[in-house]
């Protein structure tokens, strides 16, 4: 069965959303890398052990938050792909 015009438009919108999600992942990954390098340098250059510990905690927290954000976007991409599959059935 051929897809209607509205179905093709809906699929196109989902594909655009998927591309936007991929760009978000790319941006977040870059931000995560830069911030990790920043915290690594701060840890390396810190003189006080308490300061080092705090920077390590900040880095771990930031990386975990970033990973969770990326995982959420990946779930969104999978959901959008499922929508496209349902339309194509």
N, C-alpha and C. Protein backbone atom coordinates (compact mmCIF):
# COMPACT_ATOMS: atom_id res chain seq x y z
N UNK A 1 0.84 -1.17 0.00
CA UNK A 1 0.00 0.00 0.00
C UNK A 1 0.89 1.24 0.00
N UNK A 2 0.56 2.18 -0.84
CA UNK A 2 1.33 3.42 -0.95
C UNK A 2 1.00 4.34 0.23
N UNK A 3 1.99 5.11 0.62
CA UNK A 3 1.79 6.05 1.72
C UNK A 3 1.08 7.31 1.22
N UNK A 4 0.26 7.84 2.08
CA UNK A 4 -0.42 9.09 1.72
C UNK A 4 0.56 10.26 1.88
N UNK A 5 0.16 11.39 1.36
CA UNK A 5 1.00 12.59 1.46
C UNK A 5 1.26 12.96 2.91
N UNK A 6 0.23 12.89 3.75
CA UNK A 6 0.40 13.25 5.16
C UNK A 6 1.35 12.28 5.87
N UNK A 7 1.29 11.00 5.50
CA UNK A 7 2.21 10.03 6.10
C UNK A 7 3.64 10.30 5.67
N UNK A 8 3.84 10.62 4.39
CA UNK A 8 5.20 10.95 3.92
C UNK A 8 5.71 12.20 4.63
N UNK A 9 4.85 13.19 4.82
CA UNK A 9 5.25 14.41 5.54
C UNK A 9 5.60 14.11 6.99
N UNK A 10 4.82 13.25 7.61
CA UNK A 10 5.08 12.88 9.00
C UNK A 10 6.43 12.16 9.11
N UNK A 11 6.71 11.25 8.19
CA UNK A 11 8.00 10.56 8.19
C UNK A 11 9.13 11.56 8.00
N UNK A 12 8.95 12.51 7.11
CA UNK A 12 9.98 13.53 6.87
C UNK A 12 10.23 14.34 8.15
N UNK A 13 9.17 14.68 8.86
CA UNK A 13 9.33 15.43 10.13
C UNK A 13 10.09 14.60 11.15
N UNK A 14 9.77 13.30 11.24
CA UNK A 14 10.48 12.43 12.17
C UNK A 14 11.96 12.34 11.82
N UNK A 15 12.25 12.26 10.53
CA UNK A 15 13.65 12.18 10.11
C UNK A 15 14.41 13.46 10.46
N UNK A 16 13.74 14.61 10.34
CA UNK A 16 14.37 15.88 10.73
C UNK A 16 14.63 15.88 12.24
N UNK A 17 13.67 15.39 13.01
CA UNK A 17 13.85 15.32 14.46
C UNK A 17 15.01 14.40 14.83
N UNK A 18 15.15 13.30 14.10
CA UNK A 18 16.27 12.37 14.35
C UNK A 18 17.60 13.08 14.08
N UNK A 19 17.67 13.83 12.98
CA UNK A 19 18.91 14.57 12.67
C UNK A 19 19.21 15.59 13.76
N UNK A 20 18.19 16.28 14.26
CA UNK A 20 18.40 17.26 15.32
C UNK A 20 18.88 16.57 16.60
N UNK A 21 18.34 15.40 16.88
CA UNK A 21 18.79 14.64 18.05
C UNK A 21 20.26 14.24 17.91
N UNK A 22 20.64 13.82 16.72
CA UNK A 22 22.04 13.43 16.48
C UNK A 22 22.98 14.63 16.65
N UNK A 23 22.54 15.80 16.21
CA UNK A 23 23.34 17.01 16.41
C UNK A 23 23.47 17.32 17.89
N UNK A 24 22.38 17.13 18.64
CA UNK A 24 22.42 17.36 20.08
C UNK A 24 23.40 16.42 20.76
N UNK A 25 23.41 15.17 20.33
CA UNK A 25 24.36 14.19 20.89
C UNK A 25 25.79 14.63 20.58
N UNK A 26 26.01 15.04 19.35
CA UNK A 26 27.35 15.49 18.96
C UNK A 26 27.79 16.69 19.79
N UNK A 27 26.90 17.66 19.96
CA UNK A 27 27.23 18.85 20.76
C UNK A 27 27.49 18.49 22.21
N UNK A 28 26.67 17.62 22.77
CA UNK A 28 26.84 17.22 24.16
C UNK A 28 28.14 16.44 24.35
N UNK A 29 28.48 15.60 23.39
CA UNK A 29 29.73 14.84 23.47
C UNK A 29 30.94 15.78 23.44
N UNK A 30 30.87 16.77 22.60
CA UNK A 30 31.96 17.75 22.54
C UNK A 30 32.07 18.53 23.84
N UNK A 31 30.93 18.95 24.36
CA UNK A 31 30.91 19.68 25.63
C UNK A 31 31.46 18.80 26.76
N UNK A 32 31.07 17.53 26.75
CA UNK A 32 31.55 16.59 27.77
C UNK A 32 33.06 16.43 27.70
N UNK A 33 33.58 16.32 26.49
CA UNK A 33 35.03 16.17 26.32
C UNK A 33 35.77 17.40 26.83
N UNK A 34 35.28 18.58 26.43
CA UNK A 34 35.95 19.82 26.84
C UNK A 34 35.90 20.01 28.36
N UNK A 35 34.74 19.74 28.94
CA UNK A 35 34.60 19.92 30.39
C UNK A 35 35.42 18.89 31.15
N UNK A 36 35.52 17.67 30.62
CA UNK A 36 36.34 16.65 31.26
C UNK A 36 37.82 17.06 31.25
N UNK A 37 38.26 17.60 30.12
CA UNK A 37 39.64 18.08 30.05
C UNK A 37 39.87 19.22 31.04
N UNK A 38 38.90 20.11 31.14
CA UNK A 38 39.00 21.23 32.09
C UNK A 38 39.15 20.70 33.51
N UNK A 39 38.26 19.77 33.91
CA UNK A 39 38.34 19.23 35.27
C UNK A 39 39.63 18.44 35.49
N UNK A 40 40.09 17.73 34.47
CA UNK A 40 41.35 16.99 34.59
C UNK A 40 42.51 17.94 34.87
N UNK A 41 42.53 19.05 34.15
CA UNK A 41 43.59 20.05 34.38
C UNK A 41 43.46 20.68 35.76
N UNK A 42 42.24 20.94 36.19
CA UNK A 42 42.04 21.53 37.52
C UNK A 42 42.51 20.55 38.60
N UNK A 43 42.22 19.27 38.43
CA UNK A 43 42.65 18.26 39.39
C UNK A 43 44.17 18.18 39.42
N UNK A 44 44.76 18.18 38.23
CA UNK A 44 46.22 18.07 38.12
C UNK A 44 46.92 19.27 38.76
N UNK A 45 46.34 20.45 38.61
CA UNK A 45 47.00 21.67 39.09
C UNK A 45 46.60 22.07 40.51
N UNK A 46 45.65 21.37 41.09
CA UNK A 46 45.22 21.71 42.45
C UNK A 46 46.31 21.34 43.46
N UNK A 47 46.49 22.20 44.42
CA UNK A 47 47.51 21.96 45.44
C UNK A 47 46.95 21.21 46.65
N UNK A 48 45.72 21.48 46.97
CA UNK A 48 45.08 20.96 48.18
C UNK A 48 44.32 19.66 47.84
N UNK A 49 44.41 18.66 48.70
CA UNK A 49 43.73 17.39 48.45
C UNK A 49 42.21 17.53 48.48
N UNK A 50 41.71 18.44 49.32
CA UNK A 50 40.26 18.67 49.36
C UNK A 50 39.78 19.28 48.04
N UNK A 51 40.55 20.18 47.50
CA UNK A 51 40.19 20.80 46.22
C UNK A 51 40.20 19.75 45.12
N UNK A 52 41.21 18.88 45.13
CA UNK A 52 41.28 17.80 44.14
C UNK A 52 40.05 16.90 44.25
N UNK A 53 39.70 16.56 45.48
CA UNK A 53 38.54 15.69 45.69
C UNK A 53 37.27 16.36 45.16
N UNK A 54 37.12 17.65 45.44
CA UNK A 54 35.94 18.37 44.96
C UNK A 54 35.88 18.39 43.44
N UNK A 55 37.01 18.65 42.79
CA UNK A 55 37.03 18.66 41.33
C UNK A 55 36.72 17.28 40.77
N UNK A 56 37.23 16.23 41.41
CA UNK A 56 36.92 14.87 40.97
C UNK A 56 35.41 14.61 41.06
N UNK A 57 34.81 15.05 42.17
CA UNK A 57 33.36 14.87 42.34
C UNK A 57 32.59 15.66 41.29
N UNK A 58 33.01 16.90 41.01
CA UNK A 58 32.36 17.71 39.98
C UNK A 58 32.45 17.02 38.63
N UNK A 59 33.64 16.50 38.34
CA UNK A 59 33.85 15.84 37.05
C UNK A 59 32.97 14.60 36.92
N UNK A 60 32.93 13.78 37.95
CA UNK A 60 32.11 12.57 37.93
C UNK A 60 30.64 12.93 37.76
N UNK A 61 30.20 13.91 38.50
CA UNK A 61 28.81 14.34 38.41
C UNK A 61 28.47 14.86 37.03
N UNK A 62 29.34 15.69 36.48
CA UNK A 62 29.10 16.25 35.15
C UNK A 62 29.05 15.15 34.10
N UNK A 63 30.00 14.22 34.15
CA UNK A 63 30.05 13.14 33.17
C UNK A 63 28.80 12.26 33.28
N UNK A 64 28.38 11.95 34.49
CA UNK A 64 27.18 11.15 34.66
C UNK A 64 25.94 11.86 34.10
N UNK A 65 25.82 13.15 34.40
CA UNK A 65 24.68 13.92 33.88
C UNK A 65 24.71 13.95 32.36
N UNK A 66 25.88 14.15 31.81
CA UNK A 66 26.02 14.20 30.36
C UNK A 66 25.67 12.85 29.72
N UNK A 67 26.13 11.77 30.33
CA UNK A 67 25.82 10.43 29.83
C UNK A 67 24.32 10.15 29.88
N UNK A 68 23.67 10.58 30.97
CA UNK A 68 22.23 10.39 31.08
C UNK A 68 21.48 11.19 30.02
N UNK A 69 21.94 12.40 29.76
CA UNK A 69 21.32 13.25 28.74
C UNK A 69 21.44 12.59 27.36
N UNK A 70 22.63 12.09 27.04
CA UNK A 70 22.87 11.43 25.76
C UNK A 70 22.01 10.16 25.65
N UNK A 71 21.92 9.40 26.73
CA UNK A 71 21.09 8.19 26.72
C UNK A 71 19.62 8.54 26.47
N UNK A 72 19.16 9.63 27.04
CA UNK A 72 17.78 10.06 26.82
C UNK A 72 17.53 10.44 25.37
N UNK A 73 18.49 11.10 24.76
CA UNK A 73 18.35 11.47 23.35
C UNK A 73 18.36 10.21 22.48
N UNK A 74 19.20 9.25 22.82
CA UNK A 74 19.23 8.00 22.06
C UNK A 74 17.90 7.25 22.16
N UNK A 75 17.28 7.29 23.35
CA UNK A 75 15.96 6.68 23.50
C UNK A 75 14.94 7.40 22.62
N UNK A 76 15.04 8.71 22.56
CA UNK A 76 14.15 9.50 21.71
C UNK A 76 14.32 9.12 20.24
N UNK A 77 15.55 8.93 19.79
CA UNK A 77 15.81 8.51 18.41
C UNK A 77 15.16 7.16 18.14
N UNK A 78 15.31 6.22 19.06
CA UNK A 78 14.72 4.90 18.88
C UNK A 78 13.19 4.99 18.81
N UNK A 79 12.61 5.85 19.63
CA UNK A 79 11.17 6.04 19.61
C UNK A 79 10.71 6.60 18.26
N UNK A 80 11.46 7.58 17.74
CA UNK A 80 11.12 8.16 16.44
C UNK A 80 11.25 7.13 15.33
N UNK A 81 12.26 6.28 15.40
CA UNK A 81 12.42 5.22 14.40
C UNK A 81 11.24 4.24 14.45
N UNK A 82 10.78 3.94 15.66
CA UNK A 82 9.62 3.06 15.81
C UNK A 82 8.38 3.70 15.19
N UNK A 83 8.21 5.00 15.37
CA UNK A 83 7.08 5.70 14.76
C UNK A 83 7.12 5.56 13.24
N UNK A 84 8.31 5.71 12.68
CA UNK A 84 8.46 5.59 11.22
C UNK A 84 8.11 4.17 10.78
N UNK A 85 8.56 3.20 11.52
CA UNK A 85 8.25 1.80 11.17
C UNK A 85 6.74 1.57 11.21
N UNK A 86 6.07 2.11 12.24
CA UNK A 86 4.62 1.94 12.35
C UNK A 86 3.88 2.58 11.17
N UNK A 87 4.35 3.72 10.73
CA UNK A 87 3.71 4.39 9.59
C UNK A 87 3.91 3.58 8.32
N UNK A 88 5.07 2.97 8.17
CA UNK A 88 5.38 2.22 6.95
C UNK A 88 4.66 0.88 6.88
N UNK A 89 4.08 0.43 7.98
CA UNK A 89 3.38 -0.88 7.96
C UNK A 89 2.10 -0.80 7.19
